N, C-alpha and C. Protein backbone atom coordinates (compact mmCIF):
# COMPACT_ATOMS: atom_id res chain seq x y z
N MET A 1 35.82 17.28 -3.96
CA MET A 1 34.79 17.13 -4.97
C MET A 1 35.32 16.26 -6.10
N GLU A 2 34.47 15.33 -6.54
CA GLU A 2 34.84 14.41 -7.59
C GLU A 2 34.19 14.82 -8.90
N VAL A 3 34.91 14.75 -9.97
CA VAL A 3 34.37 15.06 -11.29
C VAL A 3 34.24 13.75 -12.06
N ILE A 4 33.03 13.52 -12.58
CA ILE A 4 32.77 12.31 -13.35
C ILE A 4 32.48 12.73 -14.79
N THR A 5 33.13 12.12 -15.72
CA THR A 5 32.90 12.44 -17.13
C THR A 5 32.25 11.24 -17.81
N ILE A 6 31.23 11.55 -18.64
CA ILE A 6 30.58 10.52 -19.43
C ILE A 6 30.38 11.06 -20.84
N GLU A 7 30.13 10.18 -21.75
CA GLU A 7 29.89 10.59 -23.12
C GLU A 7 28.57 11.34 -23.21
N SER A 8 28.48 12.22 -24.19
CA SER A 8 27.27 13.03 -24.32
C SER A 8 26.05 12.17 -24.63
N GLN A 9 26.21 11.12 -25.40
CA GLN A 9 25.08 10.23 -25.72
C GLN A 9 24.57 9.55 -24.45
N ALA A 10 25.48 9.08 -23.60
CA ALA A 10 25.08 8.45 -22.34
C ALA A 10 24.39 9.46 -21.43
N PHE A 11 24.86 10.70 -21.42
CA PHE A 11 24.22 11.75 -20.62
C PHE A 11 22.81 12.02 -21.11
N LYS A 12 22.62 12.08 -22.43
CA LYS A 12 21.29 12.34 -23.00
C LYS A 12 20.33 11.19 -22.67
N GLU A 13 20.82 9.94 -22.72
CA GLU A 13 19.98 8.80 -22.36
C GLU A 13 19.59 8.86 -20.89
N LEU A 14 20.54 9.19 -20.05
CA LEU A 14 20.28 9.31 -18.62
C LEU A 14 19.27 10.42 -18.36
N GLN A 15 19.43 11.54 -19.03
CA GLN A 15 18.52 12.66 -18.86
C GLN A 15 17.10 12.30 -19.33
N SER A 16 16.98 11.57 -20.42
CA SER A 16 15.65 11.18 -20.90
C SER A 16 14.98 10.20 -19.93
N LYS A 17 15.76 9.30 -19.34
CA LYS A 17 15.20 8.38 -18.35
C LYS A 17 14.74 9.12 -17.10
N ILE A 18 15.51 10.10 -16.68
CA ILE A 18 15.11 10.91 -15.52
C ILE A 18 13.83 11.67 -15.81
N ASN A 19 13.72 12.23 -17.01
CA ASN A 19 12.50 12.94 -17.40
C ASN A 19 11.30 12.00 -17.43
N LEU A 20 11.49 10.79 -17.91
CA LEU A 20 10.42 9.80 -17.95
C LEU A 20 9.96 9.45 -16.54
N ILE A 21 10.90 9.28 -15.62
CA ILE A 21 10.55 8.99 -14.22
C ILE A 21 9.80 10.18 -13.62
N ALA A 22 10.23 11.40 -13.91
CA ALA A 22 9.56 12.59 -13.39
C ALA A 22 8.12 12.68 -13.90
N LYS A 23 7.91 12.37 -15.16
CA LYS A 23 6.54 12.39 -15.72
C LYS A 23 5.68 11.33 -15.05
N PHE A 24 6.24 10.16 -14.82
CA PHE A 24 5.51 9.09 -14.16
C PHE A 24 5.09 9.51 -12.74
N VAL A 25 6.01 10.07 -12.00
CA VAL A 25 5.71 10.51 -10.63
C VAL A 25 4.64 11.59 -10.63
N THR A 26 4.73 12.53 -11.56
CA THR A 26 3.74 13.60 -11.66
C THR A 26 2.37 13.03 -11.98
N ALA A 27 2.30 12.04 -12.86
CA ALA A 27 1.02 11.43 -13.21
C ALA A 27 0.42 10.70 -12.02
N ILE A 28 1.24 9.99 -11.26
CA ILE A 28 0.76 9.28 -10.07
C ILE A 28 0.25 10.28 -9.03
N GLU A 29 0.96 11.36 -8.82
CA GLU A 29 0.54 12.37 -7.85
C GLU A 29 -0.79 13.00 -8.25
N SER A 30 -0.99 13.26 -9.53
CA SER A 30 -2.24 13.88 -9.96
C SER A 30 -3.41 12.91 -9.80
N LYS A 31 -3.18 11.60 -10.02
CA LYS A 31 -4.24 10.61 -9.82
C LYS A 31 -4.61 10.52 -8.34
N GLN A 32 -3.61 10.56 -7.48
CA GLN A 32 -3.87 10.46 -6.04
C GLN A 32 -4.59 11.69 -5.52
N SER A 33 -4.33 12.86 -6.08
CA SER A 33 -5.00 14.06 -5.61
C SER A 33 -6.45 14.09 -6.04
N GLU A 34 -6.82 13.34 -7.10
CA GLU A 34 -8.20 13.29 -7.54
C GLU A 34 -9.04 12.38 -6.66
N GLN A 35 -8.42 11.40 -5.99
CA GLN A 35 -9.15 10.46 -5.16
C GLN A 35 -9.47 11.10 -3.82
N PRO A 36 -10.61 10.72 -3.23
CA PRO A 36 -10.94 11.27 -1.91
C PRO A 36 -9.92 10.82 -0.87
N VAL A 37 -9.71 11.66 0.11
CA VAL A 37 -8.72 11.37 1.15
C VAL A 37 -9.16 10.20 2.01
N ASP A 38 -10.42 10.20 2.44
CA ASP A 38 -10.92 9.15 3.33
C ASP A 38 -12.02 8.38 2.62
N SER A 39 -11.72 7.18 2.16
CA SER A 39 -12.73 6.39 1.47
C SER A 39 -13.47 5.46 2.43
N TRP A 40 -13.19 5.57 3.71
CA TRP A 40 -13.87 4.78 4.73
C TRP A 40 -14.66 5.71 5.62
N VAL A 41 -15.92 5.38 5.86
CA VAL A 41 -16.80 6.22 6.68
C VAL A 41 -17.29 5.41 7.87
N ASP A 42 -17.72 6.12 8.91
CA ASP A 42 -18.20 5.40 10.08
C ASP A 42 -19.69 5.07 9.95
N SER A 43 -20.19 4.30 10.89
CA SER A 43 -21.56 3.80 10.83
C SER A 43 -22.59 4.92 10.82
N TYR A 44 -22.34 5.96 11.60
CA TYR A 44 -23.28 7.08 11.65
C TYR A 44 -23.44 7.73 10.27
N GLU A 45 -22.32 7.94 9.57
CA GLU A 45 -22.39 8.55 8.24
C GLU A 45 -23.14 7.66 7.26
N VAL A 46 -22.92 6.35 7.34
CA VAL A 46 -23.61 5.41 6.45
C VAL A 46 -25.11 5.44 6.72
N CYS A 47 -25.47 5.35 7.99
CA CYS A 47 -26.89 5.35 8.36
C CYS A 47 -27.58 6.65 7.94
N THR A 48 -26.89 7.76 8.13
CA THR A 48 -27.46 9.06 7.74
C THR A 48 -27.63 9.15 6.23
N PHE A 49 -26.63 8.73 5.49
CA PHE A 49 -26.68 8.82 4.03
C PHE A 49 -27.75 7.90 3.45
N LEU A 50 -27.85 6.66 3.97
CA LEU A 50 -28.81 5.70 3.45
C LEU A 50 -30.18 5.79 4.11
N LYS A 51 -30.27 6.58 5.17
CA LYS A 51 -31.51 6.74 5.94
C LYS A 51 -32.02 5.38 6.44
N ILE A 52 -31.11 4.66 7.12
CA ILE A 52 -31.43 3.37 7.71
C ILE A 52 -31.00 3.37 9.16
N SER A 53 -31.48 2.38 9.91
CA SER A 53 -31.12 2.27 11.32
C SER A 53 -29.80 1.53 11.49
N ASP A 54 -29.27 1.60 12.70
CA ASP A 54 -28.03 0.87 13.01
C ASP A 54 -28.22 -0.63 12.82
N ARG A 55 -29.38 -1.13 13.24
CA ARG A 55 -29.65 -2.57 13.12
C ARG A 55 -29.72 -3.00 11.65
N THR A 56 -30.34 -2.18 10.81
CA THR A 56 -30.41 -2.51 9.38
C THR A 56 -29.01 -2.54 8.78
N LEU A 57 -28.18 -1.59 9.17
CA LEU A 57 -26.80 -1.57 8.69
C LEU A 57 -26.06 -2.82 9.14
N GLN A 58 -26.30 -3.25 10.38
CA GLN A 58 -25.67 -4.46 10.90
C GLN A 58 -26.11 -5.68 10.09
N ARG A 59 -27.40 -5.75 9.77
CA ARG A 59 -27.88 -6.87 8.95
C ARG A 59 -27.23 -6.87 7.57
N LEU A 60 -27.08 -5.70 6.98
CA LEU A 60 -26.46 -5.59 5.66
C LEU A 60 -24.99 -5.99 5.72
N ARG A 61 -24.31 -5.65 6.80
CA ARG A 61 -22.91 -6.07 6.97
C ARG A 61 -22.80 -7.58 7.04
N PHE A 62 -23.66 -8.19 7.86
CA PHE A 62 -23.61 -9.65 8.02
C PHE A 62 -24.00 -10.37 6.74
N ALA A 63 -24.79 -9.74 5.88
CA ALA A 63 -25.16 -10.34 4.59
C ALA A 63 -24.11 -10.04 3.53
N CYS A 64 -23.00 -9.42 3.93
CA CYS A 64 -21.86 -9.12 3.05
C CYS A 64 -22.22 -8.15 1.92
N HIS A 65 -23.05 -7.17 2.22
CA HIS A 65 -23.38 -6.15 1.23
C HIS A 65 -22.40 -4.98 1.28
N PHE A 66 -21.59 -4.90 2.35
CA PHE A 66 -20.64 -3.81 2.52
C PHE A 66 -19.27 -4.37 2.87
N HIS A 67 -18.23 -3.68 2.43
CA HIS A 67 -16.87 -3.98 2.89
C HIS A 67 -16.66 -3.14 4.14
N PHE A 68 -16.24 -3.77 5.21
CA PHE A 68 -16.03 -3.03 6.46
C PHE A 68 -14.91 -3.66 7.25
N PHE A 69 -14.41 -2.91 8.23
CA PHE A 69 -13.44 -3.46 9.17
C PHE A 69 -13.70 -2.84 10.53
N LYS A 70 -13.27 -3.54 11.56
CA LYS A 70 -13.50 -3.09 12.93
C LYS A 70 -12.16 -2.89 13.61
N THR A 71 -11.98 -1.71 14.19
CA THR A 71 -10.79 -1.42 14.99
C THR A 71 -11.27 -0.99 16.36
N GLY A 72 -11.06 -1.85 17.32
CA GLY A 72 -11.55 -1.55 18.66
C GLY A 72 -13.07 -1.52 18.66
N GLN A 73 -13.63 -0.39 19.06
CA GLN A 73 -15.08 -0.23 19.09
C GLN A 73 -15.63 0.43 17.82
N ARG A 74 -14.74 0.87 16.92
CA ARG A 74 -15.16 1.58 15.71
C ARG A 74 -15.29 0.63 14.53
N ILE A 75 -16.39 0.76 13.83
CA ILE A 75 -16.59 -0.01 12.59
C ILE A 75 -16.59 0.99 11.45
N ARG A 76 -15.73 0.76 10.47
CA ARG A 76 -15.61 1.64 9.31
C ARG A 76 -16.11 0.88 8.09
N THR A 77 -16.87 1.58 7.24
CA THR A 77 -17.44 0.99 6.05
C THR A 77 -16.82 1.68 4.84
N GLN A 78 -16.54 0.91 3.79
CA GLN A 78 -15.94 1.50 2.59
C GLN A 78 -17.00 2.33 1.87
N SER A 79 -16.62 3.53 1.51
CA SER A 79 -17.53 4.44 0.83
C SER A 79 -17.71 4.01 -0.61
N CYS A 80 -18.95 3.97 -1.06
CA CYS A 80 -19.23 3.60 -2.45
C CYS A 80 -18.90 4.77 -3.38
N LEU A 81 -18.72 5.96 -2.83
CA LEU A 81 -18.41 7.12 -3.64
C LEU A 81 -16.97 7.14 -4.08
N SER A 82 -16.10 6.31 -3.46
CA SER A 82 -14.68 6.31 -3.80
C SER A 82 -14.35 5.45 -4.99
N THR A 83 -15.26 4.61 -5.45
CA THR A 83 -14.97 3.74 -6.59
C THR A 83 -15.49 4.31 -7.88
């Protein structure tokens, strides 16, 4: 085991920096817990919520009214409730 000695002033500065980092991490974690877990929804959820057909949703996508991405056969649309 190694013993490291530092001046008390340097230790207090180090301790205050560590506390500042801990507060920052805690603040970030609390912001992330407030945000919804899944801000992307599938086409069925969008159509049900907006009471529109699949074709209408497709037209709105092509007109760039929604942010979306396609993975394989699934199309996910960004939820407007997450912003």
